[in-house]
Amino acid sequence: MSSGSVPGDSGRASLLSRARDVGLGAGGREPDRGDRALQEEQASVFQDRTLTCRDCAGEFTFSSGEQSFFSSKGLLNDPQRCPSCRAVAKRARAVGGPREFHAAICGSCGGQAMVPFAPRNDRPVYCSTCFDKVRAELPTPATV
């Protein structure tokens, strides 16, 4: 072990000295190479792969460019959905997207009501007309 080195750090020191010997910069790459060349080199490391979508069970290609992009963003897992199913799932998660309505029987008049929540049996559900009547009958909270 050489003087001034940390135990267990000899491998790192030798890599750094080799990098200096071949003219590589601090990041381990040549200082005169552009980022474009580095991206092309990284893309060549990845190869196109065929994956199966978890929603439609169809096969889709996870290209080397997509793999490089995932890697650059720090994403470790492969995509689980094909591009079309991924777009559908993204729209479903979007705020302000279409709401799912459920049919229910009004607890006051017995008519059909469409409500934006799954009705339960422990609480009454009202159509919009009866809901307005019930709400008008409730006492308003006193302002403090």
N, C-alpha and C. Protein backbone atom coordinates (compact mmCIF):
# COMPACT_ATOMS: atom_id res chain seq x y z
N MET A 1 0.85 -1.17 0.00
CA MET A 1 0.00 0.00 0.00
C MET A 1 0.89 1.23 0.00
N SER A 2 0.60 2.21 -0.86
CA SER A 2 1.44 3.39 -0.95
C SER A 2 1.10 4.36 0.16
N SER A 3 2.03 5.26 0.45
CA SER A 3 1.81 6.22 1.53
C SER A 3 0.76 7.24 1.09
N GLY A 4 -0.11 7.63 2.04
CA GLY A 4 -1.13 8.63 1.76
C GLY A 4 -2.40 8.06 1.16
N SER A 5 -2.48 6.77 0.96
CA SER A 5 -3.70 6.21 0.41
C SER A 5 -4.55 5.62 1.51
N VAL A 6 -5.81 5.51 1.24
CA VAL A 6 -6.76 4.98 2.21
C VAL A 6 -6.88 3.48 1.97
N PRO A 7 -6.93 2.68 3.03
CA PRO A 7 -7.09 1.23 2.82
C PRO A 7 -8.38 0.95 2.06
N GLY A 8 -8.30 0.08 1.09
CA GLY A 8 -9.47 -0.28 0.29
C GLY A 8 -9.74 0.69 -0.85
N ASP A 9 -8.92 1.76 -0.98
CA ASP A 9 -9.14 2.77 -2.00
C ASP A 9 -8.11 2.66 -3.12
N SER A 10 -7.29 1.60 -3.10
CA SER A 10 -6.22 1.48 -4.09
C SER A 10 -6.79 1.27 -5.49
N GLY A 11 -7.94 0.60 -5.61
CA GLY A 11 -8.54 0.39 -6.92
C GLY A 11 -8.99 1.70 -7.56
N ARG A 12 -9.56 2.58 -6.76
CA ARG A 12 -10.02 3.88 -7.27
C ARG A 12 -8.82 4.73 -7.69
N ALA A 13 -7.77 4.72 -6.87
CA ALA A 13 -6.59 5.51 -7.19
C ALA A 13 -5.95 5.03 -8.49
N SER A 14 -5.90 3.72 -8.70
CA SER A 14 -5.27 3.22 -9.92
C SER A 14 -6.14 3.55 -11.13
N LEU A 15 -7.46 3.53 -10.99
CA LEU A 15 -8.33 3.91 -12.10
C LEU A 15 -8.13 5.37 -12.47
N LEU A 16 -8.02 6.22 -11.46
CA LEU A 16 -7.82 7.65 -11.72
C LEU A 16 -6.47 7.89 -12.39
N SER A 17 -5.44 7.17 -11.94
CA SER A 17 -4.12 7.38 -12.55
C SER A 17 -4.12 6.89 -14.00
N ARG A 18 -4.83 5.77 -14.27
CA ARG A 18 -4.92 5.29 -15.65
C ARG A 18 -5.69 6.28 -16.52
N ALA A 19 -6.74 6.88 -15.94
CA ALA A 19 -7.53 7.87 -16.69
C ALA A 19 -6.66 9.06 -17.05
N ARG A 20 -5.80 9.49 -16.13
CA ARG A 20 -4.90 10.60 -16.42
C ARG A 20 -3.88 10.21 -17.49
N ASP A 21 -3.41 8.96 -17.44
CA ASP A 21 -2.41 8.49 -18.40
C ASP A 21 -2.96 8.50 -19.83
N VAL A 22 -4.24 8.15 -20.00
CA VAL A 22 -4.79 8.10 -21.36
C VAL A 22 -5.45 9.43 -21.75
N GLY A 23 -5.40 10.43 -20.87
CA GLY A 23 -5.89 11.75 -21.21
C GLY A 23 -7.38 11.95 -20.99
N LEU A 24 -7.97 11.21 -20.07
CA LEU A 24 -9.38 11.39 -19.79
C LEU A 24 -9.56 12.48 -18.75
N GLY A 25 -10.69 13.17 -18.83
CA GLY A 25 -10.98 14.25 -17.89
C GLY A 25 -11.45 13.70 -16.55
N ALA A 26 -11.93 14.62 -15.69
CA ALA A 26 -12.33 14.26 -14.34
C ALA A 26 -13.50 13.30 -14.33
N GLY A 27 -14.40 13.40 -15.31
CA GLY A 27 -15.56 12.52 -15.36
C GLY A 27 -15.24 11.19 -15.99
N GLY A 28 -13.98 10.93 -16.33
CA GLY A 28 -13.62 9.68 -16.95
C GLY A 28 -13.81 9.68 -18.45
N ARG A 29 -14.03 10.86 -19.04
CA ARG A 29 -14.19 10.93 -20.49
C ARG A 29 -13.23 11.95 -21.05
N GLU A 30 -12.98 11.84 -22.32
CA GLU A 30 -12.04 12.73 -22.96
C GLU A 30 -12.58 14.16 -22.94
N PRO A 31 -11.75 15.14 -22.61
CA PRO A 31 -12.23 16.50 -22.51
C PRO A 31 -12.67 17.09 -23.86
N ASP A 32 -12.16 16.60 -24.98
CA ASP A 32 -12.51 17.19 -26.27
C ASP A 32 -13.72 16.51 -26.93
N ARG A 33 -14.25 15.47 -26.33
CA ARG A 33 -15.43 14.80 -26.90
C ARG A 33 -16.68 15.56 -26.51
N GLY A 34 -17.60 15.70 -27.45
CA GLY A 34 -18.85 16.38 -27.18
C GLY A 34 -19.86 15.46 -26.52
N ASP A 35 -20.90 16.06 -25.97
CA ASP A 35 -21.95 15.27 -25.34
C ASP A 35 -22.66 14.39 -26.35
N ARG A 36 -22.77 14.82 -27.59
CA ARG A 36 -23.45 14.03 -28.62
C ARG A 36 -22.75 12.69 -28.84
N ALA A 37 -21.43 12.73 -28.88
CA ALA A 37 -20.67 11.51 -29.08
C ALA A 37 -20.84 10.59 -27.88
N LEU A 38 -20.90 11.17 -26.69
CA LEU A 38 -21.07 10.37 -25.48
C LEU A 38 -22.44 9.71 -25.47
N GLN A 39 -23.48 10.44 -25.90
CA GLN A 39 -24.82 9.88 -25.95
C GLN A 39 -24.90 8.74 -26.96
N GLU A 40 -24.24 8.91 -28.11
CA GLU A 40 -24.24 7.85 -29.11
C GLU A 40 -23.53 6.60 -28.59
N GLU A 41 -22.45 6.83 -27.84
CA GLU A 41 -21.71 5.71 -27.26
C GLU A 41 -22.56 4.98 -26.24
N GLN A 42 -23.30 5.73 -25.40
CA GLN A 42 -24.16 5.11 -24.40
C GLN A 42 -25.30 4.38 -25.08
N ALA A 43 -25.87 4.94 -26.16
CA ALA A 43 -26.99 4.31 -26.86
C ALA A 43 -26.56 2.99 -27.48
N SER A 44 -25.28 2.91 -27.88
CA SER A 44 -24.83 1.66 -28.48
C SER A 44 -24.70 0.54 -27.44
N VAL A 45 -24.65 0.90 -26.16
CA VAL A 45 -24.57 -0.09 -25.10
C VAL A 45 -25.91 -0.82 -24.98
N PHE A 46 -27.02 -0.08 -25.18
CA PHE A 46 -28.35 -0.67 -25.07
C PHE A 46 -28.76 -1.30 -26.39
N GLN A 47 -29.58 -2.34 -26.31
CA GLN A 47 -30.10 -2.98 -27.51
C GLN A 47 -31.62 -3.03 -27.40
N ASP A 48 -32.30 -2.94 -28.54
CA ASP A 48 -33.76 -3.01 -28.55
C ASP A 48 -34.22 -4.30 -27.89
N ARG A 49 -35.27 -4.18 -27.07
CA ARG A 49 -35.83 -5.35 -26.40
C ARG A 49 -37.34 -5.38 -26.62
N THR A 50 -37.90 -6.55 -26.68
CA THR A 50 -39.34 -6.72 -26.83
C THR A 50 -39.93 -7.02 -25.46
N LEU A 51 -40.91 -6.19 -25.05
CA LEU A 51 -41.57 -6.36 -23.76
C LEU A 51 -43.05 -6.63 -23.98
N THR A 52 -43.73 -7.12 -22.96
CA THR A 52 -45.16 -7.40 -23.02
C THR A 52 -45.92 -6.41 -22.14
N CYS A 53 -46.95 -5.79 -22.70
CA CYS A 53 -47.77 -4.81 -21.99
C CYS A 53 -48.61 -5.51 -20.93
N ARG A 54 -48.68 -4.93 -19.74
CA ARG A 54 -49.45 -5.56 -18.67
C ARG A 54 -50.94 -5.32 -18.81
N ASP A 55 -51.36 -4.34 -19.62
CA ASP A 55 -52.78 -4.05 -19.79
C ASP A 55 -53.39 -4.83 -20.96
N CYS A 56 -52.76 -4.72 -22.13
CA CYS A 56 -53.35 -5.35 -23.33
C CYS A 56 -52.65 -6.66 -23.71
N ALA A 57 -51.57 -7.01 -23.04
CA ALA A 57 -50.77 -8.22 -23.28
C ALA A 57 -50.14 -8.23 -24.67
N GLY A 58 -50.11 -7.07 -25.33
CA GLY A 58 -49.44 -6.97 -26.62
C GLY A 58 -47.95 -6.74 -26.45
N GLU A 59 -47.19 -7.10 -27.46
CA GLU A 59 -45.74 -6.89 -27.40
C GLU A 59 -45.41 -5.51 -27.95
N PHE A 60 -44.40 -4.87 -27.36
CA PHE A 60 -43.91 -3.59 -27.85
C PHE A 60 -42.40 -3.55 -27.70
N THR A 61 -41.77 -2.68 -28.49
CA THR A 61 -40.31 -2.59 -28.49
C THR A 61 -39.85 -1.48 -27.56
N PHE A 62 -38.95 -1.82 -26.67
CA PHE A 62 -38.29 -0.86 -25.79
C PHE A 62 -36.95 -0.56 -26.45
N SER A 63 -36.92 0.52 -27.23
CA SER A 63 -35.76 0.80 -28.09
C SER A 63 -34.53 1.20 -27.28
N SER A 64 -33.38 1.13 -27.92
CA SER A 64 -32.14 1.51 -27.24
C SER A 64 -32.15 2.99 -26.88
N GLY A 65 -32.78 3.81 -27.72
CA GLY A 65 -32.89 5.24 -27.41
C GLY A 65 -33.75 5.49 -26.18
N GLU A 66 -34.87 4.76 -26.07
CA GLU A 66 -35.72 4.89 -24.89
C GLU A 66 -34.99 4.40 -23.65
N GLN A 67 -34.22 3.32 -23.79
CA GLN A 67 -33.46 2.81 -22.65
C GLN A 67 -32.43 3.83 -22.20
N SER A 68 -31.78 4.49 -23.16
CA SER A 68 -30.81 5.52 -22.84
C SER A 68 -31.48 6.69 -22.12
N PHE A 69 -32.68 7.07 -22.58
CA PHE A 69 -33.43 8.15 -21.95
C PHE A 69 -33.80 7.77 -20.52
N PHE A 70 -34.33 6.55 -20.34
CA PHE A 70 -34.69 6.09 -19.00
C PHE A 70 -33.47 6.13 -18.09
N SER A 71 -32.33 5.69 -18.60
CA SER A 71 -31.11 5.66 -17.81
C SER A 71 -30.66 7.07 -17.43
N SER A 72 -30.76 8.01 -18.38
CA SER A 72 -30.33 9.38 -18.11
C SER A 72 -31.21 10.06 -17.06
N LYS A 73 -32.47 9.64 -16.96
CA LYS A 73 -33.40 10.20 -15.97
C LYS A 73 -33.33 9.46 -14.64
N GLY A 74 -32.52 8.41 -14.57
CA GLY A 74 -32.37 7.65 -13.33
C GLY A 74 -33.48 6.64 -13.11
N LEU A 75 -34.24 6.32 -14.15
CA LEU A 75 -35.32 5.34 -14.03
C LEU A 75 -34.73 3.94 -14.14
N LEU A 76 -35.00 3.11 -13.17
CA LEU A 76 -34.38 1.79 -13.11
C LEU A 76 -35.27 0.69 -13.67
N ASN A 77 -36.60 0.88 -13.62
CA ASN A 77 -37.53 -0.16 -14.06
C ASN A 77 -37.90 0.02 -15.53
N ASP A 78 -38.15 -1.09 -16.20
CA ASP A 78 -38.61 -1.06 -17.58
C ASP A 78 -40.07 -0.61 -17.61
N PRO A 79 -40.53 -0.03 -18.72
CA PRO A 79 -41.94 0.33 -18.81
C PRO A 79 -42.82 -0.92 -18.77
N GLN A 80 -43.97 -0.82 -18.15
CA GLN A 80 -44.88 -1.95 -18.02
C GLN A 80 -45.98 -1.92 -19.07
N ARG A 81 -46.21 -0.74 -19.68
CA ARG A 81 -47.29 -0.60 -20.65
C ARG A 81 -46.74 -0.17 -22.00
N CYS A 82 -47.45 -0.57 -23.06
CA CYS A 82 -47.10 -0.13 -24.41
C CYS A 82 -47.44 1.36 -24.53
N PRO A 83 -46.92 2.06 -25.53
CA PRO A 83 -47.17 3.50 -25.64
C PRO A 83 -48.66 3.88 -25.66
N SER A 84 -49.51 3.11 -26.33
CA SER A 84 -50.93 3.48 -26.38
C SER A 84 -51.60 3.27 -25.03
N CYS A 85 -51.32 2.17 -24.34
CA CYS A 85 -51.89 1.95 -23.01
C CYS A 85 -51.33 2.95 -22.00
N ARG A 86 -50.06 3.35 -22.18
CA ARG A 86 -49.45 4.34 -21.31
C ARG A 86 -50.17 5.67 -21.45
N ALA A 87 -50.54 6.05 -22.69
CA ALA A 87 -51.27 7.30 -22.92
C ALA A 87 -52.66 7.25 -22.30
N VAL A 88 -53.33 6.10 -22.39
CA VAL A 88 -54.66 5.95 -21.79
C VAL A 88 -54.56 6.08 -20.27
N ALA A 89 -53.58 5.43 -19.66
CA ALA A 89 -53.40 5.50 -18.21
C ALA A 89 -53.07 6.92 -17.77
N LYS A 90 -52.30 7.62 -18.57
CA LYS A 90 -51.94 9.00 -18.23
C LYS A 90 -53.17 9.90 -18.26
N ARG A 91 -54.03 9.72 -19.27
CA ARG A 91 -55.27 10.51 -19.34
C ARG A 91 -56.19 10.19 -18.17
N ALA A 92 -56.23 8.94 -17.74
CA ALA A 92 -57.09 8.55 -16.63
C ALA A 92 -56.62 9.18 -15.32
N ARG A 93 -55.30 9.40 -15.19
CA ARG A 93 -54.76 10.01 -13.98
C ARG A 93 -54.88 11.52 -13.97
N ALA A 94 -55.12 12.11 -15.13
CA ALA A 94 -55.13 13.56 -15.26
C ALA A 94 -56.25 14.18 -14.42
N VAL A 95 -55.93 15.29 -13.78
CA VAL A 95 -56.92 16.02 -13.01
C VAL A 95 -57.88 16.68 -14.00
N GLY A 96 -59.15 16.62 -13.70
CA GLY A 96 -60.14 17.21 -14.59
C GLY A 96 -60.54 16.28 -15.72
N GLY A 97 -60.11 15.05 -15.65
CA GLY A 97 -60.47 14.08 -16.66
C GLY A 97 -61.93 13.68 -16.51
N PRO A 98 -62.41 12.83 -17.37
CA PRO A 98 -63.81 12.42 -17.26
C PRO A 98 -64.06 11.66 -15.96
N ARG A 99 -65.19 11.98 -15.32
CA ARG A 99 -65.55 11.34 -14.06
C ARG A 99 -66.44 10.13 -14.31
N GLU A 100 -66.35 9.19 -13.44
CA GLU A 100 -67.19 8.00 -13.54
C GLU A 100 -68.44 8.22 -12.69
N PHE A 101 -69.61 8.09 -13.31
CA PHE A 101 -70.88 8.28 -12.60
C PHE A 101 -71.54 6.93 -12.36
N HIS A 102 -72.31 6.84 -11.27
CA HIS A 102 -73.00 5.63 -10.87
C HIS A 102 -74.49 5.90 -10.75
N ALA A 103 -75.29 4.93 -11.12
CA ALA A 103 -76.74 5.04 -10.99
C ALA A 103 -77.14 4.69 -9.56
N ALA A 104 -78.09 5.45 -9.02
CA ALA A 104 -78.59 5.21 -7.67
C ALA A 104 -80.08 5.57 -7.63
N ILE A 105 -80.77 5.10 -6.61
CA ILE A 105 -82.19 5.41 -6.40
C ILE A 105 -82.26 6.53 -5.36
N CYS A 106 -82.98 7.59 -5.67
CA CYS A 106 -83.12 8.73 -4.77
C CYS A 106 -83.80 8.26 -3.49
N GLY A 107 -83.27 8.65 -2.34
CA GLY A 107 -83.81 8.27 -1.04
C GLY A 107 -85.06 9.04 -0.67
N SER A 108 -85.41 10.08 -1.43
CA SER A 108 -86.58 10.88 -1.12
C SER A 108 -87.73 10.60 -2.07
N CYS A 109 -87.50 10.75 -3.37
CA CYS A 109 -88.59 10.60 -4.34
C CYS A 109 -88.60 9.24 -5.03
N GLY A 110 -87.55 8.46 -4.92
CA GLY A 110 -87.50 7.14 -5.53
C GLY A 110 -87.09 7.15 -6.99
N GLY A 111 -86.77 8.32 -7.53
CA GLY A 111 -86.33 8.43 -8.92
C GLY A 111 -84.88 8.01 -9.08
N GLN A 112 -84.44 7.91 -10.33
CA GLN A 112 -83.06 7.54 -10.59
C GLN A 112 -82.17 8.77 -10.50
N ALA A 113 -81.02 8.59 -9.88
CA ALA A 113 -80.04 9.67 -9.74
C ALA A 113 -78.69 9.17 -10.25
N MET A 114 -77.96 10.02 -10.93
CA MET A 114 -76.60 9.72 -11.36
C MET A 114 -75.65 10.51 -10.47
N VAL A 115 -74.80 9.79 -9.75
CA VAL A 115 -73.90 10.44 -8.79
C VAL A 115 -72.44 10.12 -9.11
N PRO A 116 -71.51 11.05 -8.80
CA PRO A 116 -70.09 10.83 -9.12
C PRO A 116 -69.33 10.02 -8.07
N PHE A 117 -70.04 9.21 -7.30
CA PHE A 117 -69.40 8.36 -6.30
C PHE A 117 -70.16 7.04 -6.23
N ALA A 118 -69.53 6.04 -5.68
CA ALA A 118 -70.19 4.74 -5.52
C ALA A 118 -71.11 4.81 -4.31
N PRO A 119 -72.42 4.70 -4.51
CA PRO A 119 -73.35 4.81 -3.37
C PRO A 119 -73.22 3.63 -2.42
N ARG A 120 -73.43 3.92 -1.13
CA ARG A 120 -73.42 2.88 -0.10
C ARG A 120 -74.82 2.77 0.49
N ASN A 121 -75.09 1.67 1.12
CA ASN A 121 -76.41 1.45 1.68
C ASN A 121 -76.63 2.16 3.02
N ASP A 122 -75.56 2.59 3.69
CA ASP A 122 -75.72 3.18 5.01
C ASP A 122 -76.10 4.67 4.98
N ARG A 123 -76.08 5.31 3.81
CA ARG A 123 -76.44 6.73 3.71
C ARG A 123 -77.37 6.94 2.52
N PRO A 124 -78.34 7.83 2.64
CA PRO A 124 -79.25 8.06 1.52
C PRO A 124 -78.58 8.84 0.40
N VAL A 125 -79.02 8.59 -0.81
CA VAL A 125 -78.54 9.30 -1.99
C VAL A 125 -79.74 10.03 -2.57
N TYR A 126 -79.56 11.28 -2.98
CA TYR A 126 -80.66 12.09 -3.49
C TYR A 126 -80.39 12.50 -4.93
N CYS A 127 -81.48 12.66 -5.70
CA CYS A 127 -81.35 13.26 -7.04
C CYS A 127 -81.04 14.74 -6.83
N SER A 128 -80.69 15.45 -7.87
CA SER A 128 -80.28 16.85 -7.71
C SER A 128 -81.41 17.72 -7.17
N THR A 129 -82.66 17.48 -7.56
CA THR A 129 -83.79 18.27 -7.06
C THR A 129 -83.99 18.05 -5.57
N CYS A 130 -84.04 16.78 -5.14
CA CYS A 130 -84.22 16.47 -3.72
C CYS A 130 -83.01 16.90 -2.90
N PHE A 131 -81.82 16.80 -3.46
CA PHE A 131 -80.62 17.23 -2.75
C PHE A 131 -80.70 18.72 -2.45
N ASP A 132 -81.16 19.52 -3.41
CA ASP A 132 -81.30 20.96 -3.18
C ASP A 132 -82.31 21.24 -2.07
N LYS A 133 -83.42 20.48 -2.04
CA LYS A 133 -84.43 20.65 -0.98
C LYS A 133 -83.86 20.29 0.38
N VAL A 134 -83.16 19.16 0.46
CA VAL A 134 -82.59 18.71 1.73
C VAL A 134 -81.54 19.71 2.22
N ARG A 135 -80.74 20.20 1.32
CA ARG A 135 -79.70 21.16 1.71
C ARG A 135 -80.32 22.47 2.19
N ALA A 136 -81.42 22.91 1.57
CA ALA A 136 -82.09 24.14 2.00
C ALA A 136 -82.71 24.00 3.39
N GLU A 137 -83.11 22.78 3.76
CA GLU A 137 -83.73 22.54 5.06
C GLU A 137 -82.70 22.49 6.19
N LEU A 138 -81.45 22.19 5.87
CA LEU A 138 -80.41 22.10 6.90
C LEU A 138 -80.11 23.47 7.47
N PRO A 139 -79.91 23.53 8.78
CA PRO A 139 -79.55 24.84 9.37
C PRO A 139 -78.15 25.24 8.94
N THR A 140 -77.97 26.52 8.69
CA THR A 140 -76.64 27.00 8.30
C THR A 140 -75.79 27.15 9.55
N PRO A 141 -74.52 26.82 9.49
CA PRO A 141 -73.65 26.97 10.66
C PRO A 141 -73.50 28.44 11.02
N ALA A 142 -73.49 28.72 12.32
CA ALA A 142 -73.35 30.10 12.79
C ALA A 142 -71.93 30.58 12.55
N THR A 143 -71.81 31.79 12.11
CA THR A 143 -70.48 32.36 11.89
C THR A 143 -69.93 32.85 13.21
N VAL A 144 -68.65 32.65 13.43
CA VAL A 144 -68.01 33.01 14.69
C VAL A 144 -67.35 34.33 14.57
